Amino acid sequence: MLEIRDLSVDYAGVIAVEGVSLIAGDGRITTLVGANGAGKSTTLKAVSGLVPARQGQILFEGEPLFGLKPEAIVARGICHVPEGRGLFPYMSVLDNLLTGAHLRKDPAGIRDDLEKVFHYFPILREHRHRVARNFSGGQQQMIAIGRGIMSRPRLFLFDEPSIGLAPLIVREVLNTIATMAREDKRAVLLVEQNANLALDIASDAYVMELGHITLSGSARDVKANEGVRKAYLGL
């Protein structure tokens, strides 16, 4: 589904990502684990066209993404759910959700996906006409994920979906992401500060340090690695 080969990104000459290669497959969650500033979010932004790459390749379903504008990448079937959610605060929940479907031309499919969002997050159905700014952080994250579902992507990029959320809501949000990947056979590339939970729901994992991939493998094996346990899991 997604293949990154030897990706390098810099900001005004400062290297943020260097020589990164990874694969994210259908129906699987691939997580990037690392400290703040390791280059995880930059990697997601390079995939979605928000930052330019200095070198390397990004292939989606075998086709290169380099040089495409973000809206063209969305049209290819990639949804980036950013850190901070990026909602329209004075629009209703329903209108925020429907912005995710603005490129679609299939009314019946849009209705079906709206029902899917409400199935995952029943509270959004109940309060679909309230403005987004009046919701808690966890509920706003639900809206952001729901907006992503409405674009009917084949690949989700999630950047810190649990940030600022209460522990119980964190587990609910991450479990929903796992359910979407499994039931809808979507590829997910997940950056998540809660490395313990991310490794629990992921199939595959990569560890990033200072812009480089330093370890990769199954999520189970990465979680069992002594260095990862000490550095990121507090064990």
C-alpha atoms as a PDB file:
ATOM      1  CA  MET A   1       0.000   0.000   0.000  1.00  0.00           C
ATOM      2  CA  LEU A   2       2.517   2.650   1.180  1.00  0.00           C
ATOM      3  CA  GLU A   3       6.248   2.316   0.660  1.00  0.00           C
ATOM      4  CA  ILE A   4       8.798   4.925   1.701  1.00  0.00           C
ATOM      5  CA  ARG A   5      12.315   4.536   0.368  1.00  0.00           C
ATOM      6  CA  ASP A   6      15.340   6.454   1.658  1.00  0.00           C
ATOM      7  CA  LEU A   7      13.299   9.545   2.586  1.00  0.00           C
ATOM      8  CA  SER A   8      15.154  12.672   3.689  1.00  0.00           C
ATOM      9  CA  VAL A   9      13.567  15.978   4.732  1.00  0.00           C
ATOM     10  CA  ASP A  10      15.218  19.140   5.987  1.00  0.00           C
ATOM     11  CA  TYR A  11      14.050  22.509   7.230  1.00  0.00           C
ATOM     12  CA  ALA A  12      16.283  25.379   6.115  1.00  0.00           C
ATOM     13  CA  GLY A  13      19.259  23.054   6.010  1.00  0.00           C
ATOM     14  CA  VAL A  14      18.521  21.311   9.315  1.00  0.00           C
ATOM     15  CA  ILE A  15      17.946  17.600   8.722  1.00  0.00           C
ATOM     16  CA  ALA A  16      14.699  16.343  10.275  1.00  0.00           C
ATOM     17  CA  VAL A  17      14.466  12.942   8.570  1.00  0.00           C
ATOM     18  CA  GLU A  18      17.293  11.072   6.875  1.00  0.00           C
ATOM     19  CA  GLY A  19      17.290   7.784   4.987  1.00  0.00           C
ATOM     20  CA  VAL A  20      13.929   6.571   6.291  1.00  0.00           C
ATOM     21  CA  SER A  21      12.387   3.508   4.661  1.00  0.00           C
ATOM     22  CA  LEU A  22       9.207   1.757   5.752  1.00  0.00           C
ATOM     23  CA  ILE A  23       6.153  -0.116   4.512  1.00  0.00           C
ATOM     24  CA  ALA A  24       2.523   0.127   5.677  1.00  0.00           C
ATOM     25  CA  GLY A  25       0.170  -2.561   4.377  1.00  0.00           C
ATOM     26  CA  ASP A  26      -3.573  -3.054   3.917  1.00  0.00           C
ATOM     27  CA  GLY A  27      -5.522  -3.951   7.032  1.00  0.00           C
ATOM     28  CA  ARG A  28      -2.468  -3.377   9.201  1.00  0.00           C
ATOM     29  CA  ILE A  29      -1.470  -0.692  11.665  1.00  0.00           C
ATOM     30  CA  THR A  30       2.129   0.409  11.353  1.00  0.00           C
ATOM     31  CA  THR A  31       3.338   2.600  14.188  1.00  0.00           C
ATOM     32  CA  LEU A  32       6.269   4.987  14.445  1.00  0.00           C
ATOM     33  CA  VAL A  33       7.696   5.110  17.961  1.00  0.00           C
ATOM     34  CA  GLY A  34      10.187   7.683  19.185  1.00  0.00           C
ATOM     35  CA  ALA A  35      10.819  10.713  21.332  1.00  0.00           C
ATOM     36  CA  ASN A  36       9.551  14.199  20.510  1.00  0.00           C
ATOM     37  CA  GLY A  37      11.597  15.655  17.680  1.00  0.00           C
ATOM     38  CA  ALA A  38      12.584  12.253  16.281  1.00  0.00           C
ATOM     39  CA  GLY A  39      11.029  13.023  12.885  1.00  0.00           C
ATOM     40  CA  LYS A  40       7.828  11.019  13.159  1.00  0.00           C
ATOM     41  CA  SER A  41       5.378  13.839  12.366  1.00  0.00           C
ATOM     42  CA  THR A  42       7.664  15.121   9.607  1.00  0.00           C
ATOM     43  CA  THR A  43       7.489  11.699   7.977  1.00  0.00           C
ATOM     44  CA  LEU A  44       3.682  11.846   7.945  1.00  0.00           C
ATOM     45  CA  LYS A  45       3.736  15.391   6.566  1.00  0.00           C
ATOM     46  CA  ALA A  46       6.054  14.309   3.755  1.00  0.00           C
ATOM     47  CA  VAL A  47       3.633  11.537   2.782  1.00  0.00           C
ATOM     48  CA  SER A  48       0.684  13.945   2.688  1.00  0.00           C
ATOM     49  CA  GLY A  49       2.627  16.611   0.791  1.00  0.00           C
ATOM     50  CA  LEU A  50       2.705  19.179   3.598  1.00  0.00           C
ATOM     51  CA  VAL A  51       6.504  19.337   3.621  1.00  0.00           C
ATOM     52  CA  PRO A  52       8.820  18.773   0.638  1.00  0.00           C
ATOM     53  CA  ALA A  53      11.288  15.906   0.639  1.00  0.00           C
ATOM     54  CA  ARG A  54      14.930  16.443  -0.238  1.00  0.00           C
ATOM     55  CA  GLN A  55      15.409  12.938  -1.564  1.00  0.00           C
ATOM     56  CA  GLY A  56      13.901   9.468  -1.645  1.00  0.00           C
ATOM     57  CA  GLN A  57      10.653   7.973  -2.893  1.00  0.00           C
ATOM     58  CA  ILE A  58       7.134   7.741  -1.516  1.00  0.00           C
ATOM     59  CA  LEU A  59       4.997   5.195  -3.367  1.00  0.00           C
ATOM     60  CA  PHE A  60       1.290   4.665  -2.787  1.00  0.00           C
ATOM     61  CA  GLU A  61      -0.153   1.595  -4.500  1.00  0.00           C
ATOM     62  CA  GLY A  62       2.991   1.605  -6.608  1.00  0.00           C
ATOM     63  CA  GLU A  63       2.574   5.201  -7.826  1.00  0.00           C
ATOM     64  CA  PRO A  64       4.912   8.038  -6.773  1.00  0.00           C
ATOM     65  CA  LEU A  65       3.538  10.884  -4.657  1.00  0.00           C
ATOM     66  CA  PHE A  66       6.483  13.281  -4.986  1.00  0.00           C
ATOM     67  CA  GLY A  67       5.514  16.563  -6.598  1.00  0.00           C
ATOM     68  CA  LEU A  68       1.793  16.199  -5.932  1.00  0.00           C
ATOM     69  CA  LYS A  69      -0.103  18.876  -4.018  1.00  0.00           C
ATOM     70  CA  PRO A  70      -1.808  17.860  -0.771  1.00  0.00           C
ATOM     71  CA  GLU A  71      -5.277  17.968  -2.344  1.00  0.00           C
ATOM     72  CA  ALA A  72      -4.135  15.612  -5.096  1.00  0.00           C
ATOM     73  CA  ILE A  73      -2.749  13.217  -2.484  1.00  0.00           C
ATOM     74  CA  VAL A  74      -6.093  13.284  -0.663  1.00  0.00           C
ATOM     75  CA  ALA A  75      -7.796  12.468  -3.963  1.00  0.00           C
ATOM     76  CA  ARG A  76      -5.500   9.449  -4.322  1.00  0.00           C
ATOM     77  CA  GLY A  77      -6.995   8.003  -1.127  1.00  0.00           C
ATOM     78  CA  ILE A  78      -4.779   9.235   1.707  1.00  0.00           C
ATOM     79  CA  CYS A  79      -6.214  10.918   4.810  1.00  0.00           C
ATOM     80  CA  HIS A  80      -4.007  12.780   7.289  1.00  0.00           C
ATOM     81  CA  VAL A  81      -5.610  13.270  10.719  1.00  0.00           C
ATOM     82  CA  PRO A  82      -3.252  15.886  12.181  1.00  0.00           C
ATOM     83  CA  GLU A  83      -2.153  16.585  15.700  1.00  0.00           C
ATOM     84  CA  GLY A  84      -4.454  19.267  17.086  1.00  0.00           C
ATOM     85  CA  ARG A  85      -7.472  17.977  15.113  1.00  0.00           C
ATOM     86  CA  GLY A  86      -7.893  21.042  12.872  1.00  0.00           C
ATOM     87  CA  LEU A  87     -11.671  21.265  13.181  1.00  0.00           C
ATOM     88  CA  PHE A  88     -13.855  24.175  12.115  1.00  0.00           C
ATOM     89  CA  PRO A  89     -14.823  25.273  15.642  1.00  0.00           C
ATOM     90  CA  TYR A  90     -17.960  27.250  14.780  1.00  0.00           C
ATOM     91  CA  MET A  91     -19.396  24.653  12.418  1.00  0.00           C
ATOM     92  CA  SER A  92     -21.628  21.829  13.593  1.00  0.00           C
ATOM     93  CA  VAL A  93     -20.400  18.289  14.095  1.00  0.00           C
ATOM     94  CA  LEU A  94     -22.326  17.224  11.002  1.00  0.00           C
ATOM     95  CA  ASP A  95     -20.855  19.955   8.823  1.00  0.00           C
ATOM     96  CA  ASN A  96     -17.354  19.159  10.074  1.00  0.00           C
ATOM     97  CA  LEU A  97     -17.878  15.522   9.160  1.00  0.00           C
ATOM     98  CA  LEU A  98     -19.196  16.373   5.711  1.00  0.00           C
ATOM     99  CA  THR A  99     -16.109  18.442   4.901  1.00  0.00           C
ATOM    100  CA  GLY A 100     -14.292  15.112   4.774  1.00  0.00           C
ATOM    101  CA  ALA A 101     -16.490  14.079   1.838  1.00  0.00           C
ATOM    102  CA  HIS A 102     -16.098  17.261  -0.193  1.00  0.00           C
ATOM    103  CA  LEU A 103     -14.300  15.474  -3.069  1.00  0.00           C
ATOM    104  CA  ARG A 104     -16.843  12.656  -3.303  1.00  0.00           C
ATOM    105  CA  LYS A 105     -19.716  12.355  -5.777  1.00  0.00           C
ATOM    106  CA  ASP A 106     -21.565   9.362  -4.300  1.00  0.00           C
ATOM    107  CA  PRO A 107     -24.449  10.524  -2.052  1.00  0.00           C
ATOM    108  CA  ALA A 108     -25.448   6.983  -1.067  1.00  0.00           C
ATOM    109  CA  GLY A 109     -21.895   6.131  -0.079  1.00  0.00           C
ATOM    110  CA  ILE A 110     -21.586   9.352   1.907  1.00  0.00           C
ATOM    111  CA  ARG A 111     -24.751   8.472   3.836  1.00  0.00           C
ATOM    112  CA  ASP A 112     -23.390   4.980   4.525  1.00  0.00           C
ATOM    113  CA  ASP A 113     -20.100   6.360   5.818  1.00  0.00           C
ATOM    114  CA  LEU A 114     -21.901   8.892   7.989  1.00  0.00           C
ATOM    115  CA  GLU A 115     -23.771   6.003   9.591  1.00  0.00           C
ATOM    116  CA  LYS A 116     -20.445   4.244  10.092  1.00  0.00           C
ATOM    117  CA  VAL A 117     -19.062   7.284  11.925  1.00  0.00           C
ATOM    118  CA  PHE A 118     -22.139   7.377  14.160  1.00  0.00           C
ATOM    119  CA  HIS A 119     -21.761   3.639  14.799  1.00  0.00           C
ATOM    120  CA  TYR A 120     -18.183   4.139  15.984  1.00  0.00           C
ATOM    121  CA  PHE A 121     -19.012   7.294  17.949  1.00  0.00           C
ATOM    122  CA  PRO A 122     -22.712   7.316  18.997  1.00  0.00           C
ATOM    123  CA  ILE A 123     -22.327  10.586  20.926  1.00  0.00           C
ATOM    124  CA  LEU A 124     -21.705  12.387  17.629  1.00  0.00           C
ATOM    125  CA  ARG A 125     -25.111  11.321  16.306  1.00  0.00           C
ATOM    126  CA  GLU A 126     -26.791  12.557  19.454  1.00  0.00           C
ATOM    127  CA  HIS A 127     -25.100  15.976  19.228  1.00  0.00           C
ATOM    128  CA  ARG A 128     -24.546  16.269  15.478  1.00  0.00           C
ATOM    129  CA  HIS A 129     -26.037  19.780  15.313  1.00  0.00           C
ATOM    130  CA  ARG A 130     -23.886  21.262  18.094  1.00  0.00           C
ATOM    131  CA  VAL A 131     -20.851  23.335  17.160  1.00  0.00           C
ATOM    132  CA  ALA A 132     -17.522  21.560  17.460  1.00  0.00           C
ATOM    133  CA  ARG A 133     -15.931  24.038  19.868  1.00  0.00           C
ATOM    134  CA  ASN A 134     -18.365  23.010  22.595  1.00  0.00           C
ATOM    135  CA  PHE A 135     -17.047  19.452  22.777  1.00  0.00           C
ATOM    136  CA  SER A 136     -14.358  17.981  25.003  1.00  0.00           C
ATOM    137  CA  GLY A 137     -10.927  17.159  23.601  1.00  0.00           C
ATOM    138  CA  GLY A 138     -11.811  13.489  23.306  1.00  0.00           C
ATOM    139  CA  GLN A 139     -15.033  14.211  21.482  1.00  0.00           C
ATOM    140  CA  GLN A 140     -13.239  16.608  19.142  1.00  0.00           C
ATOM    141  CA  GLN A 141     -10.784  13.825  18.341  1.00  0.00           C
ATOM    142  CA  MET A 142     -13.751  11.617  17.483  1.00  0.00           C
ATOM    143  CA  ILE A 143     -14.977  14.293  15.076  1.00  0.00           C
ATOM    144  CA  ALA A 144     -11.525  14.500  13.475  1.00  0.00           C
ATOM    145  CA  ILE A 145     -11.381  10.728  12.981  1.00  0.00           C
ATOM    146  CA  GLY A 146     -14.950  10.738  11.688  1.00  0.00           C
ATOM    147  CA  ARG A 147     -14.088  13.446   9.169  1.00  0.00           C
ATOM    148  CA  GLY A 148     -11.265  11.210   7.973  1.00  0.00           C
ATOM    149  CA  ILE A 149     -13.614   8.256   7.579  1.00  0.00           C
ATOM    150  CA  MET A 150     -15.900  10.436   5.446  1.00  0.00           C
ATOM    151  CA  SER A 151     -13.163  10.822   2.834  1.00  0.00           C
ATOM    152  CA  ARG A 152     -13.210   7.003   2.466  1.00  0.00           C
ATOM    153  CA  PRO A 153      -9.410   6.740   2.305  1.00  0.00           C
ATOM    154  CA  ARG A 154      -7.364   3.632   1.689  1.00  0.00           C
ATOM    155  CA  LEU A 155      -4.596   4.925   3.952  1.00  0.00           C
ATOM    156  CA  PHE A 156      -4.934   6.818   7.241  1.00  0.00           C
ATOM    157  CA  LEU A 157      -2.092   8.880   8.680  1.00  0.00           C
ATOM    158  CA  PHE A 158      -2.747   9.512  12.379  1.00  0.00           C
ATOM    159  CA  ASP A 159      -0.545  12.038  14.185  1.00  0.00           C
ATOM    160  CA  GLU A 160      -0.771  11.807  17.992  1.00  0.00           C
ATOM    161  CA  PRO A 161      -4.508  10.992  18.196  1.00  0.00           C
ATOM    162  CA  SER A 162      -4.382  10.595  21.983  1.00  0.00           C
ATOM    163  CA  ILE A 163      -2.629  13.849  22.859  1.00  0.00           C
ATOM    164  CA  GLY A 164      -4.389  15.737  25.641  1.00  0.00           C
ATOM    165  CA  LEU A 165      -6.997  13.030  26.219  1.00  0.00           C
ATOM    166  CA  ALA A 166      -8.036  11.278  29.417  1.00  0.00           C
ATOM    167  CA  PRO A 167      -6.711   7.693  29.724  1.00  0.00           C
ATOM    168  CA  LEU A 168     -10.104   6.024  29.202  1.00  0.00           C
ATOM    169  CA  ILE A 169     -10.740   8.080  26.074  1.00  0.00           C
ATOM    170  CA  VAL A 170      -7.247   7.267  24.778  1.00  0.00           C
ATOM    171  CA  ARG A 171      -8.007   3.558  24.818  1.00  0.00           C
ATOM    172  CA  GLU A 172     -11.395   4.105  23.160  1.00  0.00           C
ATOM    173  CA  VAL A 173      -9.875   6.191  20.356  1.00  0.00           C
ATOM    174  CA  LEU A 174      -7.033   3.758  19.674  1.00  0.00           C
ATOM    175  CA  ASN A 175      -9.358   0.747  19.792  1.00  0.00           C
ATOM    176  CA  THR A 176     -11.580   2.440  17.218  1.00  0.00           C
ATOM    177  CA  ILE A 177      -8.567   2.982  14.951  1.00  0.00           C
ATOM    178  CA  ALA A 178      -7.724  -0.716  15.305  1.00  0.00           C
ATOM    179  CA  THR A 179     -11.301  -1.711  14.473  1.00  0.00           C
ATOM    180  CA  MET A 180     -11.323   0.484  11.356  1.00  0.00           C
ATOM    181  CA  ALA A 181      -8.082  -1.017  10.093  1.00  0.00           C
ATOM    182  CA  ARG A 182      -9.289  -4.556  10.677  1.00  0.00           C
ATOM    183  CA  GLU A 183     -12.911  -4.322   9.513  1.00  0.00           C
ATOM    184  CA  ASP A 184     -12.447  -1.952   6.574  1.00  0.00           C
ATOM    185  CA  LYS A 185      -9.015  -3.350   5.591  1.00  0.00           C
ATOM    186  CA  ARG A 186      -7.476   0.124   5.679  1.00  0.00           C
ATOM    187  CA  ALA A 187      -3.767   0.779   5.992  1.00  0.00           C
ATOM    188  CA  VAL A 188      -2.845   2.915   9.005  1.00  0.00           C
ATOM    189  CA  LEU A 189       0.428   4.711   9.703  1.00  0.00           C
ATOM    190  CA  LEU A 190       0.226   5.797  13.336  1.00  0.00           C
ATOM    191  CA  VAL A 191       2.350   8.257  15.291  1.00  0.00           C
ATOM    192  CA  GLU A 192       1.333   8.024  18.945  1.00  0.00           C
ATOM    193  CA  GLN A 193       2.870   9.340  22.175  1.00  0.00           C
ATOM    194  CA  ASN A 194       1.452   6.411  24.141  1.00  0.00           C
ATOM    195  CA  ALA A 195       3.946   3.882  22.805  1.00  0.00           C
ATOM    196  CA  ASN A 196       2.606   1.111  25.020  1.00  0.00           C
ATOM    197  CA  LEU A 197      -0.909   1.249  23.573  1.00  0.00           C
ATOM    198  CA  ALA A 198       0.342   1.933  20.044  1.00  0.00           C
ATOM    199  CA  LEU A 199       2.442  -1.231  20.119  1.00  0.00           C
ATOM    200  CA  ASP A 200      -0.517  -3.173  21.526  1.00  0.00           C
ATOM    201  CA  ILE A 201      -2.774  -2.379  18.564  1.00  0.00           C
ATOM    202  CA  ALA A 202      -0.137  -2.284  15.805  1.00  0.00           C
ATOM    203  CA  SER A 203       1.014  -5.116  13.567  1.00  0.00           C
ATOM    204  CA  ASP A 204       4.340  -3.554  12.623  1.00  0.00           C
ATOM    205  CA  ALA A 205       6.574  -0.984  14.305  1.00  0.00           C
ATOM    206  CA  TYR A 206       9.509   1.266  13.524  1.00  0.00           C
ATOM    207  CA  VAL A 207      11.571   3.136  16.104  1.00  0.00           C
ATOM    208  CA  MET A 208      12.838   6.585  15.088  1.00  0.00           C
ATOM    209  CA  GLU A 209      15.705   8.405  16.754  1.00  0.00           C
ATOM    210  CA  LEU A 210      17.044  11.762  15.533  1.00  0.00           C
ATOM    211  CA  GLY A 211      15.507  11.345  12.088  1.00  0.00           C
ATOM    212  CA  HIS A 212      16.666   7.764  11.516  1.00  0.00           C
ATOM    213  CA  ILE A 213      14.978   4.375  11.776  1.00  0.00           C
ATOM    214  CA  THR A 214      16.959   2.464  14.406  1.00  0.00           C
ATOM    215  CA  LEU A 215      14.762  -0.618  14.868  1.00  0.00           C
ATOM    216  CA  SER A 216      11.912  -2.288  13.004  1.00  0.00           C
ATOM    217  CA  GLY A 217       9.918  -5.497  13.128  1.00  0.00           C
ATOM    218  CA  SER A 218       6.643  -6.850  14.379  1.00  0.00           C
ATOM    219  CA  ALA A 219       5.048  -4.684  17.044  1.00  0.00           C
ATOM    220  CA  ARG A 220       5.263  -7.589  19.473  1.00  0.00           C
ATOM    221  CA  ASP A 221       9.005  -7.994  18.945  1.00  0.00           C
ATOM    222  CA  VAL A 222       9.668  -4.254  19.157  1.00  0.00           C
ATOM    223  CA  LYS A 223       7.683  -4.038  22.387  1.00  0.00           C
ATOM    224  CA  ALA A 224       9.750  -6.875  23.845  1.00  0.00           C
ATOM    225  CA  ASN A 225      13.034  -5.148  22.974  1.00  0.00           C
ATOM    226  CA  GLU A 226      14.847  -4.193  26.166  1.00  0.00           C
ATOM    227  CA  GLY A 227      15.981  -0.819  24.839  1.00  0.00           C
ATOM    228  CA  VAL A 228      12.463   0.100  23.746  1.00  0.00           C
ATOM    229  CA  ARG A 229      11.031  -1.005  27.088  1.00  0.00           C
ATOM    230  CA  LYS A 230      13.437   1.229  28.977  1.00  0.00           C
ATOM    231  CA  ALA A 231      13.318   4.239  26.664  1.00  0.00           C
ATOM    232  CA  TYR A 232       9.647   4.427  25.694  1.00  0.00           C
ATOM    233  CA  LEU A 233       7.584   2.106  27.885  1.00  0.00           C
ATOM    234  CA  GLY A 234       8.950   2.970  31.315  1.00  0.00           C
ATOM    235  CA  LEU A 235       9.642  -0.699  32.084  1.00  0.00           C
END
